[in-house]
PDB file of N, CA and C in Angstrom:
ATOM      1  N   MET A   1      79.421 -42.175 -18.256  1.00  0.00           N
ATOM      2  CA  MET A   1      80.570 -43.025 -18.414  1.00  0.00           C
ATOM      3  C   MET A   1      81.580 -42.762 -17.292  1.00  0.00           C
ATOM      4  N   ASN A   2      81.845 -41.474 -17.039  1.00  0.00           N
ATOM      5  CA  ASN A   2      82.788 -41.153 -15.959  1.00  0.00           C
ATOM      6  C   ASN A   2      82.267 -41.605 -14.608  1.00  0.00           C
ATOM      7  N   GLY A   3      80.950 -41.493 -14.423  1.00  0.00           N
ATOM      8  CA  GLY A   3      80.365 -41.947 -13.171  1.00  0.00           C
ATOM      9  C   GLY A   3      80.562 -43.438 -12.968  1.00  0.00           C
ATOM     10  N   ALA A   4      80.333 -44.215 -14.019  1.00  0.00           N
ATOM     11  CA  ALA A   4      80.496 -45.665 -13.915  1.00  0.00           C
ATOM     12  C   ALA A   4      81.956 -46.026 -13.709  1.00  0.00           C
ATOM     13  N   GLY A   5      82.853 -45.370 -14.428  1.00  0.00           N
ATOM     14  CA  GLY A   5      84.279 -45.638 -14.242  1.00  0.00           C
ATOM     15  C   GLY A   5      84.741 -45.291 -12.840  1.00  0.00           C
ATOM     16  N   GLY A   6      84.224 -44.170 -12.308  1.00  0.00           N
ATOM     17  CA  GLY A   6      84.557 -43.778 -10.942  1.00  0.00           C
ATOM     18  C   GLY A   6      84.017 -44.752  -9.909  1.00  0.00           C
ATOM     19  N   LEU A   7      82.803 -45.258 -10.147  1.00  0.00           N
ATOM     20  CA  LEU A   7      82.238 -46.246  -9.223  1.00  0.00           C
ATOM     21  C   LEU A   7      83.065 -47.528  -9.216  1.00  0.00           C
ATOM     22  N   LEU A   8      83.491 -47.960 -10.392  1.00  0.00           N
ATOM     23  CA  LEU A   8      84.333 -49.159 -10.442  1.00  0.00           C
ATOM     24  C   LEU A   8      85.638 -48.937  -9.690  1.00  0.00           C
ATOM     25  N   THR A   9      86.202 -47.733  -9.829  1.00  0.00           N
ATOM     26  CA  THR A   9      87.436 -47.404  -9.106  1.00  0.00           C
ATOM     27  C   THR A   9      87.203 -47.492  -7.601  1.00  0.00           C
ATOM     28  N   GLU A  10      86.091 -46.960  -7.130  1.00  0.00           N
ATOM     29  CA  GLU A  10      85.783 -47.005  -5.699  1.00  0.00           C
ATOM     30  C   GLU A  10      85.527 -48.433  -5.227  1.00  0.00           C
ATOM     31  N   ILE A  11      84.814 -49.213  -6.032  1.00  0.00           N
ATOM     32  CA  ILE A  11      84.513 -50.596  -5.656  1.00  0.00           C
ATOM     33  C   ILE A  11      85.795 -51.400  -5.488  1.00  0.00           C
ATOM     34  N   PHE A  12      86.760 -51.162  -6.356  1.00  0.00           N
ATOM     35  CA  PHE A  12      88.014 -51.911  -6.298  1.00  0.00           C
ATOM     36  C   PHE A  12      89.063 -51.243  -5.422  1.00  0.00           C
ATOM     37  N   GLY A  13      88.634 -50.341  -4.562  1.00  0.00           N
ATOM     38  CA  GLY A  13      89.541 -49.735  -3.586  1.00  0.00           C
ATOM     39  C   GLY A  13      90.673 -48.957  -4.210  1.00  0.00           C
ATOM     40  N   ARG A  14      90.386 -48.255  -5.287  1.00  0.00           N
ATOM     41  CA  ARG A  14      91.359 -47.416  -6.004  1.00  0.00           C
ATOM     42  C   ARG A  14      92.529 -48.203  -6.587  1.00  0.00           C
ATOM     43  N   ARG A  15      92.408 -49.530  -6.662  1.00  0.00           N
ATOM     44  CA  ARG A  15      93.445 -50.323  -7.332  1.00  0.00           C
ATOM     45  C   ARG A  15      93.236 -50.295  -8.847  1.00  0.00           C
ATOM     46  N   LEU A  16      92.077 -49.839  -9.271  1.00  0.00           N
ATOM     47  CA  LEU A  16      91.724 -49.765 -10.681  1.00  0.00           C
ATOM     48  C   LEU A  16      91.649 -48.286 -11.068  1.00  0.00           C
ATOM     49  N   LYS A  17      92.341 -47.901 -12.132  1.00  0.00           N
ATOM     50  CA  LYS A  17      92.318 -46.509 -12.566  1.00  0.00           C
ATOM     51  C   LYS A  17      90.977 -46.197 -13.223  1.00  0.00           C
ATOM     52  N   VAL A  18      90.580 -44.931 -13.158  1.00  0.00           N
ATOM     53  CA  VAL A  18      89.316 -44.504 -13.744  1.00  0.00           C
ATOM     54  C   VAL A  18      89.302 -44.788 -15.247  1.00  0.00           C
ATOM     55  N   ARG A  19      90.437 -44.610 -15.900  1.00  0.00           N
ATOM     56  CA  ARG A  19      90.506 -44.871 -17.345  1.00  0.00           C
ATOM     57  C   ARG A  19      90.182 -46.326 -17.655  1.00  0.00           C
ATOM     58  N   ILE A  20      90.653 -47.237 -16.827  1.00  0.00           N
ATOM     59  CA  ILE A  20      90.353 -48.660 -17.012  1.00  0.00           C
ATOM     60  C   ILE A  20      88.879 -48.918 -16.719  1.00  0.00           C
ATOM     61  N   GLY A  21      88.350 -48.259 -15.702  1.00  0.00           N
ATOM     62  CA  GLY A  21      86.923 -48.370 -15.390  1.00  0.00           C
ATOM     63  C   GLY A  21      86.058 -47.887 -16.547  1.00  0.00           C
ATOM     64  N   ASN A  22      86.488 -46.780 -17.177  1.00  0.00           N
ATOM     65  CA  ASN A  22      85.769 -46.272 -18.348  1.00  0.00           C
ATOM     66  C   ASN A  22      85.822 -47.274 -19.501  1.00  0.00           C
ATOM     67  N   LEU A  23      86.972 -47.886 -19.692  1.00  0.00           N
ATOM     68  CA  LEU A  23      87.113 -48.882 -20.751  1.00  0.00           C
ATOM     69  C   LEU A  23      86.204 -50.082 -20.497  1.00  0.00           C
ATOM     70  N   ILE A  24      86.186 -50.559 -19.273  1.00  0.00           N
ATOM     71  CA  ILE A  24      85.323 -51.694 -18.923  1.00  0.00           C
ATOM     72  C   ILE A  24      83.859 -51.326 -19.155  1.00  0.00           C
ATOM     73  N   THR A  25      83.476 -50.126 -18.736  1.00  0.00           N
ATOM     74  CA  THR A  25      82.099 -49.670 -18.931  1.00  0.00           C
ATOM     75  C   THR A  25      81.759 -49.601 -20.420  1.00  0.00           C
ATOM     76  N   ALA A  26      82.671 -49.062 -21.213  1.00  0.00           N
ATOM     77  CA  ALA A  26      82.434 -48.954 -22.656  1.00  0.00           C
ATOM     78  C   ALA A  26      82.296 -50.340 -23.289  1.00  0.00           C
ATOM     79  N   LEU A  27      83.144 -51.273 -22.894  1.00  0.00           N
ATOM     80  CA  LEU A  27      83.073 -52.623 -23.461  1.00  0.00           C
ATOM     81  C   LEU A  27      81.761 -53.318 -23.094  1.00  0.00           C
ATOM     82  N   ILE A  28      81.326 -53.133 -21.870  1.00  0.00           N
ATOM     83  CA  ILE A  28      80.047 -53.722 -21.450  1.00  0.00           C
ATOM     84  C   ILE A  28      78.896 -53.088 -22.226  1.00  0.00           C
ATOM     85  N   ALA A  29      78.934 -51.763 -22.388  1.00  0.00           N
ATOM     86  CA  ALA A  29      77.883 -51.075 -23.145  1.00  0.00           C
ATOM     87  C   ALA A  29      77.848 -51.551 -24.601  1.00  0.00           C
ATOM     88  N   ILE A  30      79.022 -51.733 -25.205  1.00  0.00           N
ATOM     89  CA  ILE A  30      79.082 -52.226 -26.587  1.00  0.00           C
ATOM     90  C   ILE A  30      78.531 -53.647 -26.669  1.00  0.00           C
ATOM     91  N   ALA A  31      78.899 -54.479 -25.720  1.00  0.00           N
ATOM     92  CA  ALA A  31      78.413 -55.870 -25.722  1.00  0.00           C
ATOM     93  C   ALA A  31      76.893 -55.912 -25.580  1.00  0.00           C
ATOM     94  N   ILE A  32      76.355 -55.093 -24.700  1.00  0.00           N
ATOM     95  CA  ILE A  32      74.901 -55.058 -24.521  1.00  0.00           C
ATOM     96  C   ILE A  32      74.226 -54.553 -25.793  1.00  0.00           C
ATOM     97  N   THR A  33      74.784 -53.525 -26.402  1.00  0.00           N
ATOM     98  CA  THR A  33      74.201 -52.967 -27.619  1.00  0.00           C
ATOM     99  C   THR A  33      74.205 -53.976 -28.757  1.00  0.00           C
ATOM    100  N   TRP A  34      75.273 -54.743 -28.887  1.00  0.00           N
ATOM    101  CA  TRP A  34      75.353 -55.723 -29.967  1.00  0.00           C
ATOM    102  C   TRP A  34      74.493 -56.955 -29.705  1.00  0.00           C
ATOM    103  N   SER A  35      74.254 -57.271 -28.446  1.00  0.00           N
ATOM    104  CA  SER A  35      73.557 -58.521 -28.141  1.00  0.00           C
ATOM    105  C   SER A  35      72.058 -58.365 -27.922  1.00  0.00           C
ATOM    106  N   ALA A  36      71.571 -57.136 -27.812  1.00  0.00           N
ATOM    107  CA  ALA A  36      70.162 -56.946 -27.491  1.00  0.00           C
ATOM    108  C   ALA A  36      69.504 -55.989 -28.483  1.00  0.00           C
ATOM    109  N   ASN A  37      68.225 -56.115 -28.594  1.00  0.00           N
ATOM    110  CA  ASN A  37      67.404 -55.217 -29.379  1.00  0.00           C
ATOM    111  C   ASN A  37      67.362 -53.863 -28.672  1.00  0.00           C
ATOM    112  N   ILE A  38      67.299 -52.773 -29.440  1.00  0.00           N
ATOM    113  CA  ILE A  38      67.297 -51.442 -28.837  1.00  0.00           C
ATOM    114  C   ILE A  38      66.134 -51.264 -27.869  1.00  0.00           C
ATOM    115  N   TYR A  39      64.991 -51.863 -28.194  1.00  0.00           N
ATOM    116  CA  TYR A  39      63.835 -51.747 -27.308  1.00  0.00           C
ATOM    117  C   TYR A  39      64.042 -52.532 -26.015  1.00  0.00           C
ATOM    118  N   GLU A  40      64.774 -53.625 -26.091  1.00  0.00           N
ATOM    119  CA  GLU A  40      65.100 -54.372 -24.880  1.00  0.00           C
ATOM    120  C   GLU A  40      66.045 -53.563 -23.997  1.00  0.00           C
ATOM    121  N   ILE A  41      66.991 -52.893 -24.613  1.00  0.00           N
ATOM    122  CA  ILE A  41      67.933 -52.065 -23.854  1.00  0.00           C
ATOM    123  C   ILE A  41      67.179 -50.956 -23.121  1.00  0.00           C
ATOM    124  N   ILE A  42      66.251 -50.310 -23.830  1.00  0.00           N
ATOM    125  CA  ILE A  42      65.460 -49.253 -23.204  1.00  0.00           C
ATOM    126  C   ILE A  42      64.614 -49.828 -22.069  1.00  0.00           C
ATOM    127  N   ALA A  43      64.054 -51.024 -22.277  1.00  0.00           N
ATOM    128  CA  ALA A  43      63.260 -51.664 -21.222  1.00  0.00           C
ATOM    129  C   ALA A  43      64.123 -51.987 -20.011  1.00  0.00           C
ATOM    130  N   TYR A  44      65.356 -52.479 -20.233  1.00  0.00           N
ATOM    131  CA  TYR A  44      66.262 -52.768 -19.110  1.00  0.00           C
ATOM    132  C   TYR A  44      66.590 -51.492 -18.339  1.00  0.00           C
ATOM    133  N   ALA A  45      66.886 -50.410 -19.071  1.00  0.00           N
ATOM    134  CA  ALA A  45      67.214 -49.149 -18.410  1.00  0.00           C
ATOM    135  C   ALA A  45      66.017 -48.631 -17.617  1.00  0.00           C
ATOM    136  N   SER A  46      64.836 -48.742 -18.203  1.00  0.00           N
ATOM    137  CA  SER A  46      63.626 -48.295 -17.508  1.00  0.00           C
ATOM    138  C   SER A  46      63.394 -49.114 -16.244  1.00  0.00           C
ATOM    139  N   LYS A  47      63.605 -50.423 -16.352  1.00  0.00           N
ATOM    140  CA  LYS A  47      63.435 -51.273 -15.173  1.00  0.00           C
ATOM    141  C   LYS A  47      64.458 -50.934 -14.092  1.00  0.00           C
ATOM    142  N   ALA A  48      65.665 -50.557 -14.506  1.00  0.00           N
ATOM    143  CA  ALA A  48      66.679 -50.163 -13.522  1.00  0.00           C
ATOM    144  C   ALA A  48      66.246 -48.897 -12.785  1.00  0.00           C
ATOM    145  N   PHE A  49      65.688 -47.924 -13.512  1.00  0.00           N
ATOM    146  CA  PHE A  49      65.185 -46.719 -12.859  1.00  0.00           C
ATOM    147  C   PHE A  49      64.037 -47.052 -11.914  1.00  0.00           C
ATOM    148  N   VAL A  50      63.133 -47.917 -12.358  1.00  0.00           N
ATOM    149  CA  VAL A  50      62.004 -48.297 -11.512  1.00  0.00           C
ATOM    150  C   VAL A  50      62.496 -49.028 -10.260  1.00  0.00           C
ATOM    151  N   ALA A  51      63.537 -49.856 -10.410  1.00  0.00           N
ATOM    152  CA  ALA A  51      64.100 -50.548  -9.246  1.00  0.00           C
ATOM    153  C   ALA A  51      64.659 -49.535  -8.248  1.00  0.00           C
ATOM    154  N   TYR A  52      65.308 -48.505  -8.753  1.00  0.00           N
ATOM    155  CA  TYR A  52      65.820 -47.447  -7.870  1.00  0.00           C
ATOM    156  C   TYR A  52      64.676 -46.774  -7.123  1.00  0.00           C
ATOM    157  N   TYR A  53      63.601 -46.457  -7.856  1.00  0.00           N
ATOM    158  CA  TYR A  53      62.452 -45.823  -7.208  1.00  0.00           C
ATOM    159  C   TYR A  53      61.775 -46.767  -6.222  1.00  0.00           C
ATOM    160  N   ALA A  54      61.780 -48.052  -6.516  1.00  0.00           N
ATOM    161  CA  ALA A  54      61.220 -49.025  -5.567  1.00  0.00           C
ATOM    162  C   ALA A  54      62.018 -49.014  -4.266  1.00  0.00           C
ATOM    163  N   LEU A  55      63.334 -48.964  -4.379  1.00  0.00           N
ATOM    164  CA  LEU A  55      64.171 -48.881  -3.180  1.00  0.00           C
ATOM    165  C   LEU A  55      63.891 -47.602  -2.389  1.00  0.00           C
ATOM    166  N   GLN A  56      63.751 -46.493  -3.107  1.00  0.00           N
ATOM    167  CA  GLN A  56      63.454 -45.225  -2.441  1.00  0.00           C
ATOM    168  C   GLN A  56      62.099 -45.284  -1.730  1.00  0.00           C
ATOM    169  N   SER A  57      61.101 -45.850  -2.410  1.00  0.00           N
ATOM    170  CA  SER A  57      59.772 -45.977  -1.807  1.00  0.00           C
ATOM    171  C   SER A  57      59.808 -46.906  -0.602  1.00  0.00           C
ATOM    172  N   GLY A  58      60.588 -47.972  -0.702  1.00  0.00           N
ATOM    173  CA  GLY A  58      60.725 -48.894   0.423  1.00  0.00           C
ATOM    174  C   GLY A  58      61.351 -48.224   1.631  1.00  0.00           C
ATOM    175  N   GLN A  59      62.370 -47.419   1.382  1.00  0.00           N
ATOM    176  CA  GLN A  59      62.992 -46.677   2.482  1.00  0.00           C
ATOM    177  C   GLN A  59      62.018 -45.668   3.088  1.00  0.00           C
ATOM    178  N   ALA A  60      61.248 -45.002   2.230  1.00  0.00           N
ATOM    179  CA  ALA A  60      60.261 -44.036   2.722  1.00  0.00           C
ATOM    180  C   ALA A  60      59.188 -44.749   3.547  1.00  0.00           C
ATOM    181  N   PHE A  61      58.788 -45.951   3.099  1.00  0.00           N
ATOM    182  CA  PHE A  61      57.819 -46.733   3.862  1.00  0.00           C
ATOM    183  C   PHE A  61      58.350 -47.023   5.264  1.00  0.00           C
ATOM    184  N   LEU A  62      59.577 -47.517   5.337  1.00  0.00           N
ATOM    185  CA  LEU A  62      60.155 -47.847   6.641  1.00  0.00           C
ATOM    186  C   LEU A  62      60.249 -46.618   7.545  1.00  0.00           C
ATOM    187  N   SER A  63      60.652 -45.512   6.973  1.00  0.00           N
ATOM    188  CA  SER A  63      60.777 -44.292   7.759  1.00  0.00           C
ATOM    189  C   SER A  63      59.410 -43.831   8.275  1.00  0.00           C
ATOM    190  N   ALA A  64      58.412 -43.827   7.398  1.00  0.00           N
ATOM    191  CA  ALA A  64      57.070 -43.408   7.815  1.00  0.00           C
ATOM    192  C   ALA A  64      56.497 -44.373   8.851  1.00  0.00           C
ATOM    193  N   TRP A  65      56.739 -45.660   8.677  1.00  0.00           N
ATOM    194  CA  TRP A  65      56.231 -46.662   9.624  1.00  0.00           C
ATOM    195  C   TRP A  65      56.846 -46.449  11.011  1.00  0.00           C
ATOM    196  N   ARG A  66      58.161 -46.211  11.045  1.00  0.00           N
ATOM    197  CA  ARG A  66      58.838 -45.996  12.327  1.00  0.00           C
ATOM    198  C   ARG A  66      58.358 -44.734  13.025  1.00  0.00           C
ATOM    199  N   GLN A  67      57.934 -43.750  12.237  1.00  0.00           N
ATOM    200  CA  GLN A  67      57.422 -42.502  12.812  1.00  0.00           C
ATOM    201  C   GLN A  67      55.918 -42.577  13.078  1.00  0.00           C
ATOM    202  N   ARG A  68      55.347 -43.765  12.894  1.00  0.00           N
ATOM    203  CA  ARG A  68      53.923 -44.032  13.126  1.00  0.00           C
ATOM    204  C   ARG A  68      53.011 -43.172  12.262  1.00  0.00           C
ATOM    205  N   ARG A  69      53.480 -42.894  11.060  1.00  0.00           N
ATOM    206  CA  ARG A  69      52.664 -42.190  10.050  1.00  0.00           C
ATOM    207  C   ARG A  69      52.113 -43.259   9.114  1.00  0.00           C
ATOM    208  N   TYR A  70      51.089 -43.923   9.575  1.00  0.00           N
ATOM    209  CA  TYR A  70      50.617 -45.133   8.907  1.00  0.00           C
ATOM    210  C   TYR A  70      49.961 -44.864   7.556  1.00  0.00           C
ATOM    211  N   LEU A  71      49.296 -43.741   7.383  1.00  0.00           N
ATOM    212  CA  LEU A  71      48.709 -43.428   6.081  1.00  0.00           C
ATOM    213  C   LEU A  71      49.809 -43.225   5.042  1.00  0.00           C
ATOM    214  N   GLN A  72      50.819 -42.438   5.396  1.00  0.00           N
ATOM    215  CA  GLN A  72      51.945 -42.244   4.486  1.00  0.00           C
ATOM    216  C   GLN A  72      52.654 -43.563   4.222  1.00  0.00           C
ATOM    217  N   ALA A  73      52.833 -44.359   5.254  1.00  0.00           N
ATOM    218  CA  ALA A  73      53.501 -45.651   5.091  1.00  0.00           C
ATOM    219  C   ALA A  73      52.737 -46.526   4.108  1.00  0.00           C
ATOM    220  N   THR A  74      51.421 -46.515   4.200  1.00  0.00           N
ATOM    221  CA  THR A  74      50.602 -47.306   3.281  1.00  0.00           C
ATOM    222  C   THR A  74      50.770 -46.838   1.844  1.00  0.00           C
ATOM    223  N   LEU A  75      50.801 -45.526   1.642  1.00  0.00           N
ATOM    224  CA  LEU A  75      50.985 -44.987   0.292  1.00  0.00           C
ATOM    225  C   LEU A  75      52.368 -45.352  -0.267  1.00  0.00           C
ATOM    226  N   PHE A  76      53.382 -45.250   0.565  1.00  0.00           N
ATOM    227  CA  PHE A  76      54.727 -45.624   0.116  1.00  0.00           C
ATOM    228  C   PHE A  76      54.812 -47.119  -0.184  1.00  0.00           C
ATOM    229  N   LEU A  77      54.136 -47.921   0.611  1.00  0.00           N
ATOM    230  CA  LEU A  77      54.111 -49.363   0.363  1.00  0.00           C
ATOM    231  C   LEU A  77      53.409 -49.662  -0.962  1.00  0.00           C
ATOM    232  N   ALA A  78      52.328 -48.939  -1.246  1.00  0.00           N
ATOM    233  CA  ALA A  78      51.627 -49.115  -2.525  1.00  0.00           C
ATOM    234  C   ALA A  78      52.531 -48.724  -3.692  1.00  0.00           C
ATOM    235  N   ALA A  79      53.276 -47.632  -3.535  1.00  0.00           N
ATOM    236  CA  ALA A  79      54.207 -47.207  -4.582  1.00  0.00           C
ATOM    237  C   ALA A  79      55.283 -48.266  -4.810  1.00  0.00           C
ATOM    238  N   THR A  80      55.764 -48.860  -3.738  1.00  0.00           N
ATOM    239  CA  THR A  80      56.757 -49.927  -3.842  1.00  0.00           C
ATOM    240  C   THR A  80      56.171 -51.129  -4.573  1.00  0.00           C
ATOM    241  N   ALA A  81      54.956 -51.487  -4.243  1.00  0.00           N
ATOM    242  CA  ALA A  81      54.308 -52.640  -4.889  1.00  0.00           C
ATOM    243  C   ALA A  81      54.095 -52.386  -6.375  1.00  0.00           C
ATOM    244  N   ILE A  82      53.686 -51.175  -6.729  1.00  0.00           N
ATOM    245  CA  ILE A  82      53.499 -50.842  -8.146  1.00  0.00           C
ATOM    246  C   ILE A  82      54.826 -50.921  -8.889  1.00  0.00           C
ATOM    247  N   ALA A  83      55.877 -50.389  -8.281  1.00  0.00           N
ATOM    248  CA  ALA A  83      57.196 -50.430  -8.919  1.00  0.00           C
ATOM    249  C   ALA A  83      57.657 -51.870  -9.125  1.00  0.00           C
ATOM    250  N   LEU A  84      57.445 -52.716  -8.134  1.00  0.00           N
ATOM    251  CA  LEU A  84      57.833 -54.117  -8.272  1.00  0.00           C
ATOM    252  C   LEU A  84      57.015 -54.826  -9.349  1.00  0.00           C
ATOM    253  N   ALA A  85      55.736 -54.476  -9.466  1.00  0.00           N
ATOM    254  CA  ALA A  85      54.902 -55.054 -10.518  1.00  0.00           C
ATOM    255  C   ALA A  85      55.407 -54.633 -11.900  1.00  0.00           C
ATOM    256  N   VAL A  86      55.810 -53.382 -12.028  1.00  0.00           N
ATOM    257  CA  VAL A  86      56.361 -52.911 -13.302  1.00  0.00           C
ATOM    258  C   VAL A  86      57.625 -53.683 -13.644  1.00  0.00           C
ATOM    259  N   ILE A  87      58.487 -53.873 -12.667  1.00  0.00           N
ATOM    260  CA  ILE A  87      59.734 -54.609 -12.918  1.00  0.00           C
ATOM    261  C   ILE A  87      59.438 -56.036 -13.362  1.00  0.00           C
ATOM    262  N   LEU A  88      58.478 -56.683 -12.730  1.00  0.00           N
ATOM    263  CA  LEU A  88      58.189 -58.085 -13.029  1.00  0.00           C
ATOM    264  C   LEU A  88      57.419 -58.272 -14.334  1.00  0.00           C
ATOM    265  N   PHE A  89      56.495 -57.369 -14.647  1.00  0.00           N
ATOM    266  CA  PHE A  89      55.571 -57.630 -15.749  1.00  0.00           C
ATOM    267  C   PHE A  89      55.766 -56.761 -16.978  1.00  0.00           C
ATOM    268  N   ALA A  90      56.612 -55.760 -16.922  1.00  0.00           N
ATOM    269  CA  ALA A  90      56.822 -54.894 -18.086  1.00  0.00           C
ATOM    270  C   ALA A  90      57.559 -55.633 -19.184  1.00  0.00           C
ATOM    271  N   THR A  91      57.148 -55.385 -20.419  1.00  0.00           N
ATOM    272  CA  THR A  91      57.802 -55.993 -21.575  1.00  0.00           C
ATOM    273  C   THR A  91      58.183 -54.909 -22.567  1.00  0.00           C
ATOM    274  N   PRO A  92      59.231 -55.131 -23.354  1.00  0.00           N
ATOM    275  CA  PRO A  92      59.617 -54.127 -24.335  1.00  0.00           C
ATOM    276  C   PRO A  92      58.567 -54.010 -25.450  1.00  0.00           C
ATOM    277  N   VAL A  93      58.416 -52.842 -25.980  1.00  0.00           N
ATOM    278  CA  VAL A  93      57.474 -52.616 -27.074  1.00  0.00           C
ATOM    279  C   VAL A  93      58.023 -53.272 -28.344  1.00  0.00           C
ATOM    280  N   GLU A  94      57.150 -53.771 -29.156  1.00  0.00           N
ATOM    281  CA  GLU A  94      57.556 -54.395 -30.410  1.00  0.00           C
ATOM    282  C   GLU A  94      57.235 -53.458 -31.553  1.00  0.00           C
ATOM    283  N   VAL A  95      58.087 -53.466 -32.544  1.00  0.00           N
ATOM    284  CA  VAL A  95      57.891 -52.584 -33.714  1.00  0.00           C
ATOM    285  C   VAL A  95      57.064 -53.305 -34.741  1.00  0.00           C
TER     286      VAL A  95
END
């Protein structure tokens, strides 16, 4: 919560207090919790983590490619493709 409030403060150029950022974060979290199934929320969070890892793999691919490490670049590209497939095709579990 503090991390999200701090990020909002930074995004708004310190014109927004951290306490207000925390309040906004809490209100958004409450709205998401009330409007979605718990399994959907977990699926969204999981997809967000996978998106982060996809970005990391993409950066690693570019770095390996620029250094002419083509085998590593291929593996990082495959990891990126798998992460993107998970984001596109993953569905929440049903009870």
